[in-house]
Amino acid sequence: MSSSEPAPTARSPYLLSLGNIHTTEYWAVTPAGSWPLARVTVVVRDRSATTPGRVFRALLDIIWTSVFSVLASVDVDPRKRGYIAITVRADGHSYLEQIPVVTEPERAEVLNRVAYLQHLIGNARISAR
């Protein structure tokens, strides 16, 4: 641990939280351990998918129109389902967090938080030089 990486304390505020992954100004904190940000690598996999509403609408029209003609007027919104997998690796250890997303704004929010985490890691690596 160098002088630019103070030890994590109970008083260090979290700047960012992604599920059980938390970061302070200098540290990444997970259930698997805590590491200086300069030694952390983050891998992100977007495992979400959008199913267009028109697919559901066409399915309803084809199957149920003759039985339930009211369903023909139903307009189904696009559906987002899945999760974003975030892996934190450092010093031979890793921790995987899967954050479920069900809307496009939720997905964008998680990806923006990951980008901020990567920004913090980049700054920590620059200051560690």
N, C-alpha and C. Protein backbone atom coordinates (compact mmCIF):
# COMPACT_ATOMS: atom_id res chain seq x y z
N MET A 1 0.86 -1.16 0.00
CA MET A 1 0.00 0.00 0.00
C MET A 1 0.90 1.22 0.00
N SER A 2 0.70 2.12 -0.92
CA SER A 2 1.49 3.34 -0.99
C SER A 2 0.82 4.46 -0.21
N SER A 3 1.53 5.57 -0.09
CA SER A 3 0.98 6.70 0.67
C SER A 3 -0.23 7.32 -0.02
N SER A 4 -0.38 7.09 -1.33
CA SER A 4 -1.54 7.65 -2.03
C SER A 4 -2.79 6.80 -1.86
N GLU A 5 -2.65 5.66 -1.18
CA GLU A 5 -3.78 4.75 -0.96
C GLU A 5 -4.02 4.57 0.54
N PRO A 6 -4.71 5.51 1.17
CA PRO A 6 -4.97 5.33 2.59
C PRO A 6 -5.84 4.10 2.83
N ALA A 7 -5.65 3.51 3.99
CA ALA A 7 -6.42 2.31 4.33
C ALA A 7 -7.90 2.65 4.40
N PRO A 8 -8.76 1.71 3.97
CA PRO A 8 -10.19 1.98 4.04
C PRO A 8 -10.64 2.06 5.50
N THR A 9 -11.50 2.98 5.78
CA THR A 9 -12.02 3.13 7.13
C THR A 9 -13.53 3.09 7.08
N ALA A 10 -14.12 2.94 8.23
CA ALA A 10 -15.59 2.94 8.30
C ALA A 10 -16.15 4.30 7.93
N ARG A 11 -15.33 5.32 8.01
CA ARG A 11 -15.80 6.68 7.72
C ARG A 11 -15.63 7.07 6.26
N SER A 12 -14.97 6.26 5.47
CA SER A 12 -14.79 6.59 4.06
C SER A 12 -16.13 6.50 3.36
N PRO A 13 -16.59 7.61 2.78
CA PRO A 13 -17.90 7.55 2.11
C PRO A 13 -17.79 6.82 0.78
N TYR A 14 -18.83 6.10 0.46
CA TYR A 14 -18.88 5.45 -0.85
C TYR A 14 -19.25 6.49 -1.89
N LEU A 15 -18.44 6.56 -2.94
CA LEU A 15 -18.74 7.45 -4.06
C LEU A 15 -19.69 6.80 -5.04
N LEU A 16 -19.69 5.47 -5.05
CA LEU A 16 -20.45 4.73 -6.05
C LEU A 16 -20.81 3.36 -5.49
N SER A 17 -22.01 2.91 -5.79
CA SER A 17 -22.43 1.56 -5.41
C SER A 17 -23.11 0.91 -6.61
N LEU A 18 -22.72 -0.31 -6.89
CA LEU A 18 -23.32 -1.13 -7.94
C LEU A 18 -23.64 -2.48 -7.31
N GLY A 19 -24.83 -2.64 -6.80
CA GLY A 19 -25.15 -3.86 -6.07
C GLY A 19 -24.30 -3.93 -4.82
N ASN A 20 -23.48 -4.98 -4.71
CA ASN A 20 -22.58 -5.14 -3.57
C ASN A 20 -21.16 -4.66 -3.87
N ILE A 21 -20.97 -3.96 -4.97
CA ILE A 21 -19.68 -3.38 -5.30
C ILE A 21 -19.75 -1.91 -4.91
N HIS A 22 -18.84 -1.50 -4.04
CA HIS A 22 -18.81 -0.11 -3.58
C HIS A 22 -17.41 0.44 -3.81
N THR A 23 -17.32 1.74 -4.05
CA THR A 23 -16.01 2.35 -4.21
C THR A 23 -15.93 3.62 -3.38
N THR A 24 -14.75 3.80 -2.80
CA THR A 24 -14.42 5.06 -2.15
C THR A 24 -13.48 5.79 -3.10
N GLU A 25 -12.86 6.82 -2.62
CA GLU A 25 -11.94 7.57 -3.48
C GLU A 25 -10.73 6.72 -3.87
N TYR A 26 -10.34 5.78 -3.01
CA TYR A 26 -9.13 5.00 -3.26
C TYR A 26 -9.35 3.49 -3.31
N TRP A 27 -10.50 2.99 -2.89
CA TRP A 27 -10.70 1.56 -2.71
C TRP A 27 -11.95 1.04 -3.40
N ALA A 28 -11.87 -0.22 -3.84
CA ALA A 28 -13.04 -0.97 -4.29
C ALA A 28 -13.36 -1.96 -3.18
N VAL A 29 -14.61 -1.98 -2.75
CA VAL A 29 -15.03 -2.83 -1.64
C VAL A 29 -16.12 -3.78 -2.14
N THR A 30 -15.86 -5.08 -2.00
CA THR A 30 -16.83 -6.11 -2.38
C THR A 30 -16.92 -7.13 -1.25
N PRO A 31 -17.91 -8.02 -1.28
CA PRO A 31 -17.94 -9.09 -0.29
C PRO A 31 -16.72 -10.01 -0.35
N ALA A 32 -16.04 -10.05 -1.49
CA ALA A 32 -14.86 -10.90 -1.65
C ALA A 32 -13.59 -10.25 -1.14
N GLY A 33 -13.62 -8.95 -0.85
CA GLY A 33 -12.44 -8.25 -0.35
C GLY A 33 -12.42 -6.80 -0.78
N SER A 34 -11.40 -6.10 -0.30
CA SER A 34 -11.20 -4.68 -0.64
C SER A 34 -9.83 -4.53 -1.27
N TRP A 35 -9.76 -3.73 -2.33
CA TRP A 35 -8.51 -3.54 -3.04
C TRP A 35 -8.35 -2.07 -3.42
N PRO A 36 -7.10 -1.61 -3.52
CA PRO A 36 -6.88 -0.25 -4.02
C PRO A 36 -7.38 -0.16 -5.47
N LEU A 37 -8.00 0.95 -5.80
CA LEU A 37 -8.57 1.10 -7.15
C LEU A 37 -7.53 0.95 -8.25
N ALA A 38 -6.29 1.35 -7.98
CA ALA A 38 -5.25 1.27 -9.00
C ALA A 38 -4.95 -0.17 -9.41
N ARG A 39 -5.30 -1.14 -8.58
CA ARG A 39 -5.03 -2.55 -8.88
C ARG A 39 -6.26 -3.30 -9.35
N VAL A 40 -7.36 -2.62 -9.52
CA VAL A 40 -8.64 -3.26 -9.87
C VAL A 40 -8.86 -3.22 -11.37
N THR A 41 -9.40 -4.31 -11.90
CA THR A 41 -9.86 -4.37 -13.28
C THR A 41 -11.35 -4.69 -13.25
N VAL A 42 -12.12 -3.98 -14.08
CA VAL A 42 -13.56 -4.19 -14.14
C VAL A 42 -13.94 -4.68 -15.53
N VAL A 43 -14.69 -5.77 -15.57
CA VAL A 43 -15.18 -6.32 -16.83
C VAL A 43 -16.70 -6.26 -16.79
N VAL A 44 -17.30 -5.75 -17.87
CA VAL A 44 -18.75 -5.58 -17.93
C VAL A 44 -19.30 -6.37 -19.11
N ARG A 45 -20.39 -7.07 -18.85
CA ARG A 45 -21.10 -7.78 -19.93
C ARG A 45 -22.57 -7.41 -19.84
N ASP A 46 -23.07 -6.88 -20.92
CA ASP A 46 -24.49 -6.51 -20.98
C ASP A 46 -25.27 -7.72 -21.47
N ARG A 47 -25.98 -8.35 -20.57
CA ARG A 47 -26.77 -9.55 -20.87
C ARG A 47 -28.25 -9.22 -20.93
N SER A 48 -28.56 -8.00 -21.35
CA SER A 48 -29.97 -7.62 -21.46
C SER A 48 -30.38 -7.67 -22.93
N ALA A 49 -31.67 -7.82 -23.15
CA ALA A 49 -32.21 -7.87 -24.51
C ALA A 49 -33.54 -7.14 -24.54
N THR A 50 -33.82 -6.53 -25.67
CA THR A 50 -35.09 -5.85 -25.85
C THR A 50 -35.93 -6.64 -26.84
N THR A 51 -37.14 -6.92 -26.45
CA THR A 51 -38.09 -7.58 -27.34
C THR A 51 -39.08 -6.52 -27.79
N PRO A 52 -39.12 -6.22 -29.07
CA PRO A 52 -40.03 -5.17 -29.54
C PRO A 52 -41.49 -5.50 -29.24
N GLY A 53 -42.25 -4.49 -28.91
CA GLY A 53 -43.67 -4.66 -28.62
C GLY A 53 -44.44 -5.19 -29.81
N ARG A 54 -43.99 -4.87 -31.01
CA ARG A 54 -44.73 -5.31 -32.19
C ARG A 54 -44.70 -6.83 -32.35
N VAL A 55 -43.68 -7.49 -31.79
CA VAL A 55 -43.64 -8.95 -31.84
C VAL A 55 -44.79 -9.52 -31.01
N PHE A 56 -44.96 -8.97 -29.81
CA PHE A 56 -46.07 -9.41 -28.97
C PHE A 56 -47.41 -9.08 -29.62
N ARG A 57 -47.49 -7.93 -30.23
CA ARG A 57 -48.73 -7.51 -30.87
C ARG A 57 -49.08 -8.46 -32.02
N ALA A 58 -48.09 -8.79 -32.83
CA ALA A 58 -48.33 -9.71 -33.94
C ALA A 58 -48.75 -11.08 -33.44
N LEU A 59 -48.09 -11.53 -32.38
CA LEU A 59 -48.46 -12.82 -31.81
C LEU A 59 -49.89 -12.81 -31.30
N LEU A 60 -50.27 -11.75 -30.62
CA LEU A 60 -51.64 -11.63 -30.14
C LEU A 60 -52.64 -11.58 -31.30
N ASP A 61 -52.29 -10.82 -32.32
CA ASP A 61 -53.18 -10.71 -33.48
C ASP A 61 -53.39 -12.06 -34.16
N ILE A 62 -52.33 -12.80 -34.32
CA ILE A 62 -52.42 -14.07 -35.03
C ILE A 62 -53.17 -15.11 -34.22
N ILE A 63 -52.83 -15.23 -32.95
CA ILE A 63 -53.40 -16.31 -32.15
C ILE A 63 -54.77 -15.99 -31.58
N TRP A 64 -54.94 -14.82 -31.04
CA TRP A 64 -56.11 -14.56 -30.22
C TRP A 64 -57.16 -13.63 -30.83
N THR A 65 -56.91 -13.07 -31.97
CA THR A 65 -57.86 -12.10 -32.52
C THR A 65 -59.25 -12.69 -32.71
N SER A 66 -59.30 -13.89 -33.21
CA SER A 66 -60.63 -14.47 -33.44
C SER A 66 -61.36 -14.78 -32.13
N VAL A 67 -60.61 -15.10 -31.08
CA VAL A 67 -61.23 -15.45 -29.81
C VAL A 67 -61.49 -14.21 -28.96
N PHE A 68 -60.49 -13.37 -28.85
CA PHE A 68 -60.60 -12.16 -28.03
C PHE A 68 -60.31 -10.95 -28.92
N SER A 69 -61.31 -10.45 -29.60
CA SER A 69 -61.09 -9.35 -30.53
C SER A 69 -60.64 -8.08 -29.83
N VAL A 70 -60.85 -7.97 -28.55
CA VAL A 70 -60.40 -6.79 -27.80
C VAL A 70 -58.88 -6.71 -27.79
N LEU A 71 -58.21 -7.83 -27.80
CA LEU A 71 -56.76 -7.83 -27.75
C LEU A 71 -56.14 -7.21 -29.00
N ALA A 72 -56.88 -7.12 -30.06
CA ALA A 72 -56.36 -6.53 -31.28
C ALA A 72 -56.04 -5.05 -31.08
N SER A 73 -56.69 -4.41 -30.14
CA SER A 73 -56.43 -2.99 -29.90
C SER A 73 -55.34 -2.76 -28.86
N VAL A 74 -54.82 -3.82 -28.25
CA VAL A 74 -53.78 -3.68 -27.23
C VAL A 74 -52.45 -3.37 -27.91
N ASP A 75 -51.79 -2.33 -27.45
CA ASP A 75 -50.47 -1.99 -27.96
C ASP A 75 -49.46 -2.26 -26.86
N VAL A 76 -48.61 -3.21 -27.07
CA VAL A 76 -47.66 -3.63 -26.05
C VAL A 76 -46.35 -2.89 -26.26
N ASP A 77 -45.81 -2.34 -25.16
CA ASP A 77 -44.54 -1.62 -25.22
C ASP A 77 -43.38 -2.60 -25.35
N PRO A 78 -42.27 -2.11 -25.87
CA PRO A 78 -41.09 -2.98 -25.92
C PRO A 78 -40.70 -3.42 -24.51
N ARG A 79 -40.15 -4.62 -24.41
CA ARG A 79 -39.76 -5.15 -23.11
C ARG A 79 -38.25 -5.31 -23.06
N LYS A 80 -37.69 -4.92 -21.96
CA LYS A 80 -36.27 -5.11 -21.70
C LYS A 80 -36.17 -6.12 -20.57
N ARG A 81 -35.33 -7.11 -20.73
CA ARG A 81 -35.12 -8.05 -19.64
C ARG A 81 -33.68 -8.53 -19.69
N GLY A 82 -33.20 -8.94 -18.56
CA GLY A 82 -31.84 -9.46 -18.47
C GLY A 82 -31.09 -8.81 -17.32
N TYR A 83 -29.79 -8.80 -17.45
CA TYR A 83 -28.96 -8.25 -16.39
C TYR A 83 -27.65 -7.74 -16.98
N ILE A 84 -26.95 -6.96 -16.18
CA ILE A 84 -25.62 -6.51 -16.53
C ILE A 84 -24.67 -7.17 -15.54
N ALA A 85 -23.72 -7.93 -16.04
CA ALA A 85 -22.75 -8.64 -15.20
C ALA A 85 -21.50 -7.78 -15.06
N ILE A 86 -21.11 -7.52 -13.83
CA ILE A 86 -19.93 -6.71 -13.54
C ILE A 86 -18.97 -7.57 -12.73
N THR A 87 -17.77 -7.77 -13.25
CA THR A 87 -16.75 -8.55 -12.55
C THR A 87 -15.63 -7.62 -12.13
N VAL A 88 -15.30 -7.67 -10.85
CA VAL A 88 -14.18 -6.90 -10.31
C VAL A 88 -13.06 -7.89 -10.02
N ARG A 89 -11.87 -7.63 -10.57
CA ARG A 89 -10.72 -8.51 -10.38
C ARG A 89 -9.56 -7.72 -9.81
N ALA A 90 -8.87 -8.33 -8.85
CA ALA A 90 -7.66 -7.72 -8.30
C ALA A 90 -6.90 -8.76 -7.50
N ASP A 91 -5.59 -8.77 -7.65
CA ASP A 91 -4.70 -9.61 -6.85
C ASP A 91 -5.12 -11.09 -6.85
N GLY A 92 -5.55 -11.61 -7.98
CA GLY A 92 -5.92 -13.01 -8.07
C GLY A 92 -7.30 -13.35 -7.54
N HIS A 93 -8.06 -12.37 -7.11
CA HIS A 93 -9.41 -12.59 -6.62
C HIS A 93 -10.39 -11.92 -7.57
N SER A 94 -11.63 -12.37 -7.54
CA SER A 94 -12.65 -11.72 -8.36
C SER A 94 -13.99 -11.80 -7.66
N TYR A 95 -14.86 -10.88 -8.05
CA TYR A 95 -16.22 -10.86 -7.52
C TYR A 95 -17.15 -10.50 -8.68
N LEU A 96 -18.22 -11.28 -8.85
CA LEU A 96 -19.19 -11.06 -9.91
C LEU A 96 -20.50 -10.55 -9.32
N GLU A 97 -20.99 -9.46 -9.85
CA GLU A 97 -22.29 -8.91 -9.45
C GLU A 97 -23.17 -8.87 -10.69
N GLN A 98 -24.39 -9.38 -10.57
CA GLN A 98 -25.34 -9.34 -11.68
C GLN A 98 -26.47 -8.40 -11.28
N ILE A 99 -26.62 -7.32 -12.04
CA ILE A 99 -27.63 -6.32 -11.72
C ILE A 99 -28.76 -6.45 -12.73
N PRO A 100 -29.96 -6.81 -12.28
CA PRO A 100 -31.09 -6.96 -13.21
C PRO A 100 -31.54 -5.61 -13.76
N VAL A 101 -31.89 -5.61 -15.03
CA VAL A 101 -32.44 -4.40 -15.67
C VAL A 101 -33.72 -4.77 -16.40
N VAL A 102 -34.73 -3.92 -16.25
CA VAL A 102 -36.01 -4.20 -16.90
C VAL A 102 -36.48 -3.05 -17.78
N THR A 103 -35.78 -1.92 -17.73
CA THR A 103 -36.11 -0.80 -18.60
C THR A 103 -34.82 -0.24 -19.20
N GLU A 104 -34.96 0.47 -20.29
CA GLU A 104 -33.80 1.09 -20.93
C GLU A 104 -33.15 2.14 -20.02
N PRO A 105 -33.92 2.98 -19.31
CA PRO A 105 -33.27 3.93 -18.39
C PRO A 105 -32.48 3.24 -17.27
N GLU A 106 -32.96 2.11 -16.77
CA GLU A 106 -32.20 1.37 -15.76
C GLU A 106 -30.89 0.87 -16.34
N ARG A 107 -30.94 0.34 -17.54
CA ARG A 107 -29.74 -0.15 -18.21
C ARG A 107 -28.74 0.98 -18.39
N ALA A 108 -29.22 2.13 -18.87
CA ALA A 108 -28.34 3.28 -19.07
C ALA A 108 -27.72 3.74 -17.75
N GLU A 109 -28.50 3.75 -16.69
CA GLU A 109 -28.00 4.16 -15.37
C GLU A 109 -26.87 3.24 -14.89
N VAL A 110 -27.06 1.94 -15.03
CA VAL A 110 -26.03 0.99 -14.60
C VAL A 110 -24.77 1.17 -15.43
N LEU A 111 -24.91 1.30 -16.74
CA LEU A 111 -23.74 1.47 -17.60
C LEU A 111 -23.04 2.80 -17.32
N ASN A 112 -23.78 3.86 -16.99
CA ASN A 112 -23.16 5.13 -16.62
C ASN A 112 -22.38 4.99 -15.31
N ARG A 113 -22.91 4.25 -14.36
CA ARG A 113 -22.20 4.03 -13.10
C ARG A 113 -20.92 3.23 -13.33
N VAL A 114 -20.98 2.24 -14.22
CA VAL A 114 -19.78 1.47 -14.55
C VAL A 114 -18.75 2.38 -15.21
N ALA A 115 -19.18 3.26 -16.09
CA ALA A 115 -18.25 4.20 -16.73
C ALA A 115 -17.59 5.10 -15.69
N TYR A 116 -18.36 5.53 -14.69
CA TYR A 116 -17.80 6.35 -13.61
C TYR A 116 -16.79 5.55 -12.79
N LEU A 117 -17.09 4.27 -12.53
CA LEU A 117 -16.15 3.41 -11.81
C LEU A 117 -14.86 3.27 -12.60
N GLN A 118 -14.96 3.07 -13.91
CA GLN A 118 -13.76 2.95 -14.74
C GLN A 118 -12.98 4.27 -14.76
N HIS A 119 -13.69 5.39 -14.70
CA HIS A 119 -13.03 6.70 -14.61
C HIS A 119 -12.26 6.81 -13.29
N LEU A 120 -12.86 6.40 -12.19
CA LEU A 120 -12.18 6.43 -10.89
C LEU A 120 -10.93 5.54 -10.90
N ILE A 121 -11.05 4.37 -11.52
CA ILE A 121 -9.90 3.46 -11.61
C ILE A 121 -8.79 4.09 -12.44
N GLY A 122 -9.14 4.71 -13.56
CA GLY A 122 -8.14 5.38 -14.39
C GLY A 122 -7.43 6.49 -13.64
N ASN A 123 -8.18 7.29 -12.89
CA ASN A 123 -7.57 8.36 -12.09
C ASN A 123 -6.65 7.79 -11.03
N ALA A 124 -7.05 6.68 -10.40
CA ALA A 124 -6.21 6.06 -9.37
C ALA A 124 -4.92 5.53 -9.98
N ARG A 125 -4.99 4.98 -11.17
CA ARG A 125 -3.78 4.47 -11.82
C ARG A 125 -2.84 5.60 -12.21
N ILE A 126 -3.40 6.71 -12.65
CA ILE A 126 -2.57 7.86 -13.01
C ILE A 126 -1.87 8.42 -11.78
N SER A 127 -2.60 8.55 -10.68
CA SER A 127 -2.00 9.12 -9.47
C SER A 127 -1.04 8.15 -8.80
N ALA A 128 -1.12 6.85 -9.11
CA ALA A 128 -0.21 5.87 -8.52
C ALA A 128 1.14 5.85 -9.23
N ARG A 129 1.25 6.48 -10.35
CA ARG A 129 2.53 6.47 -11.10
C ARG A 129 3.57 7.30 -10.42
